[in-house]
Amino acid sequence: MSEIKKLLKKENVIFEFFGKEQIGEELTNKQWDKFVKTYNDKFANGSYEVAKECIREFMEHEDIKWI
């Protein structure tokens, strides 16, 4: 499987890529854990769709076809 396909698999989207210190520093650790548990799937699904759109846009550019 290509690296791009591996990256686009939903289960490979890691919500924790954004740590508490980047997007949730006002939350307690317990609140952060609950937030991650509640929104992990929503984030993964959204990230997956954005990544797929980026790949489609990238592939439309003529200058990448020679790569």
PDB file of N, CA and C in Angstrom:
ATOM      1  N   MET A   1       0.853  -1.179   0.000  1.00  0.00           N
ATOM      2  CA  MET A   1       0.000   0.000   0.000  1.00  0.00           C
ATOM      3  C   MET A   1       0.892   1.234   0.000  1.00  0.00           C
ATOM      4  N   SER A   2       0.539   2.222  -0.812  1.00  0.00           N
ATOM      5  CA  SER A   2       1.358   3.423  -0.890  1.00  0.00           C
ATOM      6  C   SER A   2       1.277   4.214   0.414  1.00  0.00           C
ATOM      7  N   GLU A   3       2.269   5.063   0.608  1.00  0.00           N
ATOM      8  CA  GLU A   3       2.297   5.888   1.818  1.00  0.00           C
ATOM      9  C   GLU A   3       1.085   6.807   1.881  1.00  0.00           C
ATOM     10  N   ILE A   4       0.678   7.360   0.742  1.00  0.00           N
ATOM     11  CA  ILE A   4      -0.486   8.245   0.730  1.00  0.00           C
ATOM     12  C   ILE A   4      -1.734   7.492   1.159  1.00  0.00           C
ATOM     13  N   LYS A   5      -1.924   6.288   0.634  1.00  0.00           N
ATOM     14  CA  LYS A   5      -3.107   5.507   1.014  1.00  0.00           C
ATOM     15  C   LYS A   5      -3.078   5.174   2.501  1.00  0.00           C
ATOM     16  N   LYS A   6      -1.899   4.875   3.041  1.00  0.00           N
ATOM     17  CA  LYS A   6      -1.794   4.596   4.478  1.00  0.00           C
ATOM     18  C   LYS A   6      -2.188   5.816   5.284  1.00  0.00           C
ATOM     19  N   LEU A   7      -1.729   6.990   4.855  1.00  0.00           N
ATOM     20  CA  LEU A   7      -2.033   8.213   5.588  1.00  0.00           C
ATOM     21  C   LEU A   7      -3.513   8.567   5.530  1.00  0.00           C
ATOM     22  N   LEU A   8      -4.175   8.201   4.442  1.00  0.00           N
ATOM     23  CA  LEU A   8      -5.574   8.565   4.278  1.00  0.00           C
ATOM     24  C   LEU A   8      -6.544   7.584   4.913  1.00  0.00           C
ATOM     25  N   LYS A   9      -6.057   6.475   5.454  1.00  0.00           N
ATOM     26  CA  LYS A   9      -6.949   5.557   6.152  1.00  0.00           C
ATOM     27  C   LYS A   9      -7.405   6.234   7.445  1.00  0.00           C
ATOM     28  N   LYS A  10      -8.690   6.226   7.687  1.00  0.00           N
ATOM     29  CA  LYS A  10      -9.236   6.950   8.829  1.00  0.00           C
ATOM     30  C   LYS A  10      -8.600   6.549  10.145  1.00  0.00           C
ATOM     31  N   GLU A  11      -8.296   5.263  10.290  1.00  0.00           N
ATOM     32  CA  GLU A  11      -7.734   4.846  11.573  1.00  0.00           C
ATOM     33  C   GLU A  11      -6.309   5.351  11.784  1.00  0.00           C
ATOM     34  N   ASN A  12      -5.679   5.904  10.742  1.00  0.00           N
ATOM     35  CA  ASN A  12      -4.336   6.449  10.887  1.00  0.00           C
ATOM     36  C   ASN A  12      -4.336   7.939  11.209  1.00  0.00           C
ATOM     37  N   VAL A  13      -5.519   8.560  11.243  1.00  0.00           N
ATOM     38  CA  VAL A  13      -5.596   9.970  11.608  1.00  0.00           C
ATOM     39  C   VAL A  13      -5.523  10.041  13.129  1.00  0.00           C
ATOM     40  N   ILE A  14      -4.514  10.687  13.624  1.00  0.00           N
ATOM     41  CA  ILE A  14      -4.295  10.725  15.068  1.00  0.00           C
ATOM     42  C   ILE A  14      -4.746  12.072  15.618  1.00  0.00           C
ATOM     43  N   PHE A  15      -5.834  12.044  16.367  1.00  0.00           N
ATOM     44  CA  PHE A  15      -6.362  13.276  16.937  1.00  0.00           C
ATOM     45  C   PHE A  15      -5.334  13.944  17.830  1.00  0.00           C
ATOM     46  N   GLU A  16      -4.561  13.156  18.531  1.00  0.00           N
ATOM     47  CA  GLU A  16      -3.599  13.711  19.463  1.00  0.00           C
ATOM     48  C   GLU A  16      -2.469  14.452  18.772  1.00  0.00           C
ATOM     49  N   PHE A  17      -2.498  14.530  17.446  1.00  0.00           N
ATOM     50  CA  PHE A  17      -1.539  15.353  16.711  1.00  0.00           C
ATOM     51  C   PHE A  17      -1.577  16.770  17.264  1.00  0.00           C
ATOM     52  N   PHE A  18      -2.764  17.207  17.631  1.00  0.00           N
ATOM     53  CA  PHE A  18      -2.912  18.478  18.328  1.00  0.00           C
ATOM     54  C   PHE A  18      -2.992  18.173  19.805  1.00  0.00           C
ATOM     55  N   GLY A  19      -1.989  18.539  20.524  1.00  0.00           N
ATOM     56  CA  GLY A  19      -1.978  18.259  21.948  1.00  0.00           C
ATOM     57  C   GLY A  19      -2.802  19.255  22.733  1.00  0.00           C
ATOM     58  N   LYS A  20      -3.053  18.906  23.950  1.00  0.00           N
ATOM     59  CA  LYS A  20      -3.804  19.763  24.859  1.00  0.00           C
ATOM     60  C   LYS A  20      -3.177  21.144  24.942  1.00  0.00           C
ATOM     61  N   GLU A  21      -1.847  21.192  24.927  1.00  0.00           N
ATOM     62  CA  GLU A  21      -1.162  22.478  25.043  1.00  0.00           C
ATOM     63  C   GLU A  21      -1.340  23.363  23.804  1.00  0.00           C
ATOM     64  N   GLN A  22      -1.731  22.781  22.673  1.00  0.00           N
ATOM     65  CA  GLN A  22      -1.945  23.580  21.464  1.00  0.00           C
ATOM     66  C   GLN A  22      -3.381  24.067  21.314  1.00  0.00           C
ATOM     67  N   ILE A  23      -4.349  23.225  21.620  1.00  0.00           N
ATOM     68  CA  ILE A  23      -5.742  23.626  21.357  1.00  0.00           C
ATOM     69  C   ILE A  23      -6.654  23.576  22.580  1.00  0.00           C
ATOM     70  N   GLY A  24      -6.181  23.030  23.684  1.00  0.00           N
ATOM     71  CA  GLY A  24      -7.076  22.892  24.828  1.00  0.00           C
ATOM     72  C   GLY A  24      -6.421  23.191  26.153  1.00  0.00           C
ATOM     73  N   GLU A  25      -5.489  24.139  26.152  1.00  0.00           N
ATOM     74  CA  GLU A  25      -4.732  24.367  27.385  1.00  0.00           C
ATOM     75  C   GLU A  25      -5.587  24.831  28.555  1.00  0.00           C
ATOM     76  N   GLU A  26      -6.785  25.364  28.259  1.00  0.00           N
ATOM     77  CA  GLU A  26      -7.673  25.798  29.340  1.00  0.00           C
ATOM     78  C   GLU A  26      -8.428  24.643  29.988  1.00  0.00           C
ATOM     79  N   LEU A  27      -8.343  23.455  29.386  1.00  0.00           N
ATOM     80  CA  LEU A  27      -9.050  22.290  29.913  1.00  0.00           C
ATOM     81  C   LEU A  27      -8.214  21.558  30.955  1.00  0.00           C
ATOM     82  N   THR A  28      -8.889  20.938  31.902  1.00  0.00           N
ATOM     83  CA  THR A  28      -8.183  20.054  32.824  1.00  0.00           C
ATOM     84  C   THR A  28      -7.848  18.763  32.068  1.00  0.00           C
ATOM     85  N   ASN A  29      -6.988  17.951  32.632  1.00  0.00           N
ATOM     86  CA  ASN A  29      -6.660  16.677  31.990  1.00  0.00           C
ATOM     87  C   ASN A  29      -7.897  15.797  31.828  1.00  0.00           C
ATOM     88  N   LYS A  30      -8.755  15.801  32.824  1.00  0.00           N
ATOM     89  CA  LYS A  30      -9.979  15.007  32.761  1.00  0.00           C
ATOM     90  C   LYS A  30     -10.901  15.531  31.657  1.00  0.00           C
ATOM     91  N   GLN A  31     -11.035  16.851  31.550  1.00  0.00           N
ATOM     92  CA  GLN A  31     -11.846  17.440  30.493  1.00  0.00           C
ATOM     93  C   GLN A  31     -11.247  17.123  29.118  1.00  0.00           C
ATOM     94  N   TRP A  32      -9.927  17.215  29.008  1.00  0.00           N
ATOM     95  CA  TRP A  32      -9.251  16.912  27.745  1.00  0.00           C
ATOM     96  C   TRP A  32      -9.509  15.467  27.316  1.00  0.00           C
ATOM     97  N   ASP A  33      -9.376  14.535  28.255  1.00  0.00           N
ATOM     98  CA  ASP A  33      -9.629  13.128  27.948  1.00  0.00           C
ATOM     99  C   ASP A  33     -11.055  12.914  27.450  1.00  0.00           C
ATOM    100  N   LYS A  34     -12.014  13.572  28.091  1.00  0.00           N
ATOM    101  CA  LYS A  34     -13.416  13.468  27.675  1.00  0.00           C
ATOM    102  C   LYS A  34     -13.609  14.089  26.293  1.00  0.00           C
ATOM    103  N   PHE A  35     -12.982  15.234  26.055  1.00  0.00           N
ATOM    104  CA  PHE A  35     -13.059  15.894  24.754  1.00  0.00           C
ATOM    105  C   PHE A  35     -12.520  14.987  23.651  1.00  0.00           C
ATOM    106  N   VAL A  36     -11.340  14.396  23.863  1.00  0.00           N
ATOM    107  CA  VAL A  36     -10.734  13.506  22.865  1.00  0.00           C
ATOM    108  C   VAL A  36     -11.644  12.313  22.600  1.00  0.00           C
ATOM    109  N   LYS A  37     -12.163  11.711  23.664  1.00  0.00           N
ATOM    110  CA  LYS A  37     -13.043  10.554  23.507  1.00  0.00           C
ATOM    111  C   LYS A  37     -14.306  10.926  22.736  1.00  0.00           C
ATOM    112  N   THR A  38     -14.844  12.104  22.991  1.00  0.00           N
ATOM    113  CA  THR A  38     -16.087  12.543  22.368  1.00  0.00           C
ATOM    114  C   THR A  38     -15.903  12.945  20.908  1.00  0.00           C
ATOM    115  N   TYR A  39     -14.788  13.606  20.594  1.00  0.00           N
ATOM    116  CA  TYR A  39     -14.630  14.197  19.265  1.00  0.00           C
ATOM    117  C   TYR A  39     -13.598  13.522  18.381  1.00  0.00           C
ATOM    118  N   ASN A  40     -12.962  12.471  18.827  1.00  0.00           N
ATOM    119  CA  ASN A  40     -11.932  11.816  18.031  1.00  0.00           C
ATOM    120  C   ASN A  40     -12.462  11.355  16.673  1.00  0.00           C
ATOM    121  N   ASP A  41     -13.585  10.674  16.640  1.00  0.00           N
ATOM    122  CA  ASP A  41     -14.127  10.177  15.378  1.00  0.00           C
ATOM    123  C   ASP A  41     -14.528  11.318  14.446  1.00  0.00           C
ATOM    124  N   LYS A  42     -15.150  12.347  14.996  1.00  0.00           N
ATOM    125  CA  LYS A  42     -15.554  13.501  14.185  1.00  0.00           C
ATOM    126  C   LYS A  42     -14.322  14.149  13.568  1.00  0.00           C
ATOM    127  N   PHE A  43     -13.271  14.320  14.354  1.00  0.00           N
ATOM    128  CA  PHE A  43     -12.027  14.902  13.854  1.00  0.00           C
ATOM    129  C   PHE A  43     -11.408  14.014  12.783  1.00  0.00           C
ATOM    130  N   ALA A  44     -11.370  12.720  13.035  1.00  0.00           N
ATOM    131  CA  ALA A  44     -10.787  11.781  12.067  1.00  0.00           C
ATOM    132  C   ALA A  44     -11.545  11.820  10.753  1.00  0.00           C
ATOM    133  N   ASN A  45     -12.861  11.819  10.810  1.00  0.00           N
ATOM    134  CA  ASN A  45     -13.669  11.870   9.594  1.00  0.00           C
ATOM    135  C   ASN A  45     -13.447  13.169   8.831  1.00  0.00           C
ATOM    136  N   GLY A  46     -13.423  14.285   9.547  1.00  0.00           N
ATOM    137  CA  GLY A  46     -13.191  15.581   8.907  1.00  0.00           C
ATOM    138  C   GLY A  46     -11.803  15.674   8.308  1.00  0.00           C
ATOM    139  N   SER A  47     -10.809  15.193   9.031  1.00  0.00           N
ATOM    140  CA  SER A  47      -9.431  15.218   8.540  1.00  0.00           C
ATOM    141  C   SER A  47      -9.290  14.353   7.302  1.00  0.00           C
ATOM    142  N   TYR A  48      -9.924  13.225   7.301  1.00  0.00           N
ATOM    143  CA  TYR A  48      -9.884  12.309   6.171  1.00  0.00           C
ATOM    144  C   TYR A  48     -10.454  12.981   4.922  1.00  0.00           C
ATOM    145  N   GLU A  49     -11.595  13.625   5.071  1.00  0.00           N
ATOM    146  CA  GLU A  49     -12.229  14.289   3.931  1.00  0.00           C
ATOM    147  C   GLU A  49     -11.377  15.441   3.411  1.00  0.00           C
ATOM    148  N   VAL A  50     -10.795  16.224   4.304  1.00  0.00           N
ATOM    149  CA  VAL A  50      -9.917  17.320   3.888  1.00  0.00           C
ATOM    150  C   VAL A  50      -8.688  16.769   3.173  1.00  0.00           C
ATOM    151  N   ALA A  51      -8.109  15.704   3.684  1.00  0.00           N
ATOM    152  CA  ALA A  51      -6.933  15.092   3.056  1.00  0.00           C
ATOM    153  C   ALA A  51      -7.267  14.581   1.657  1.00  0.00           C
ATOM    154  N   LYS A  52      -8.414  13.939   1.502  1.00  0.00           N
ATOM    155  CA  LYS A  52      -8.823  13.448   0.184  1.00  0.00           C
ATOM    156  C   LYS A  52      -8.990  14.613  -0.793  1.00  0.00           C
ATOM    157  N   GLU A  53      -9.584  15.708  -0.351  1.00  0.00           N
ATOM    158  CA  GLU A  53      -9.753  16.886  -1.200  1.00  0.00           C
ATOM    159  C   GLU A  53      -8.394  17.465  -1.588  1.00  0.00           C
ATOM    160  N   CYS A  54      -7.466  17.506  -0.669  1.00  0.00           N
ATOM    161  CA  CYS A  54      -6.120  17.997  -0.966  1.00  0.00           C
ATOM    162  C   CYS A  54      -5.439  17.124  -2.023  1.00  0.00           C
ATOM    163  N   ILE A  55      -5.603  15.828  -1.921  1.00  0.00           N
ATOM    164  CA  ILE A  55      -5.024  14.911  -2.916  1.00  0.00           C
ATOM    165  C   ILE A  55      -5.649  15.170  -4.283  1.00  0.00           C
ATOM    166  N   ARG A  56      -6.972  15.344  -4.337  1.00  0.00           N
ATOM    167  CA  ARG A  56      -7.637  15.625  -5.622  1.00  0.00           C
ATOM    168  C   ARG A  56      -7.093  16.918  -6.240  1.00  0.00           C
ATOM    169  N   GLU A  57      -6.969  17.970  -5.431  1.00  0.00           N
ATOM    170  CA  GLU A  57      -6.438  19.243  -5.927  1.00  0.00           C
ATOM    171  C   GLU A  57      -4.995  19.076  -6.402  1.00  0.00           C
ATOM    172  N   PHE A  58      -4.195  18.379  -5.626  1.00  0.00           N
ATOM    173  CA  PHE A  58      -2.792  18.153  -5.968  1.00  0.00           C
ATOM    174  C   PHE A  58      -2.672  17.434  -7.306  1.00  0.00           C
ATOM    175  N   MET A  59      -3.494  16.414  -7.509  1.00  0.00           N
ATOM    176  CA  MET A  59      -3.415  15.611  -8.722  1.00  0.00           C
ATOM    177  C   MET A  59      -3.900  16.364  -9.964  1.00  0.00           C
ATOM    178  N   GLU A  60      -4.635  17.447  -9.792  1.00  0.00           N
ATOM    179  CA  GLU A  60      -5.110  18.243 -10.918  1.00  0.00           C
ATOM    180  C   GLU A  60      -4.016  19.113 -11.527  1.00  0.00           C
ATOM    181  N   HIS A  61      -2.962  19.368 -10.794  1.00  0.00           N
ATOM    182  CA  HIS A  61      -1.892  20.233 -11.281  1.00  0.00           C
ATOM    183  C   HIS A  61      -1.043  19.497 -12.312  1.00  0.00           C
ATOM    184  N   GLU A  62      -0.912  20.084 -13.474  1.00  0.00           N
ATOM    185  CA  GLU A  62      -0.139  19.461 -14.553  1.00  0.00           C
ATOM    186  C   GLU A  62       1.337  19.284 -14.196  1.00  0.00           C
ATOM    187  N   ASP A  63       1.888  20.198 -13.428  1.00  0.00           N
ATOM    188  CA  ASP A  63       3.321  20.174 -13.150  1.00  0.00           C
ATOM    189  C   ASP A  63       3.745  19.021 -12.243  1.00  0.00           C
ATOM    190  N   ILE A  64       2.826  18.281 -11.674  1.00  0.00           N
ATOM    191  CA  ILE A  64       3.211  17.146 -10.821  1.00  0.00           C
ATOM    192  C   ILE A  64       3.198  15.818 -11.566  1.00  0.00           C
ATOM    193  N   LYS A  65       2.674  15.800 -12.761  1.00  0.00           N
ATOM    194  CA  LYS A  65       2.530  14.547 -13.488  1.00  0.00           C
ATOM    195  C   LYS A  65       3.882  13.899 -13.830  1.00  0.00           C
ATOM    196  N   TRP A  66       4.917  14.673 -13.912  1.00  0.00           N
ATOM    197  CA  TRP A  66       6.240  14.112 -14.250  1.00  0.00           C
ATOM    198  C   TRP A  66       6.932  13.514 -13.045  1.00  0.00           C
ATOM    199  N   ILE A  67       6.438  13.777 -11.862  1.00  0.00           N
ATOM    200  CA  ILE A  67       7.085  13.256 -10.638  1.00  0.00           C
ATOM    201  C   ILE A  67       6.924  11.759 -10.556  1.00  0.00           C
TER     202      ILE A  67
END
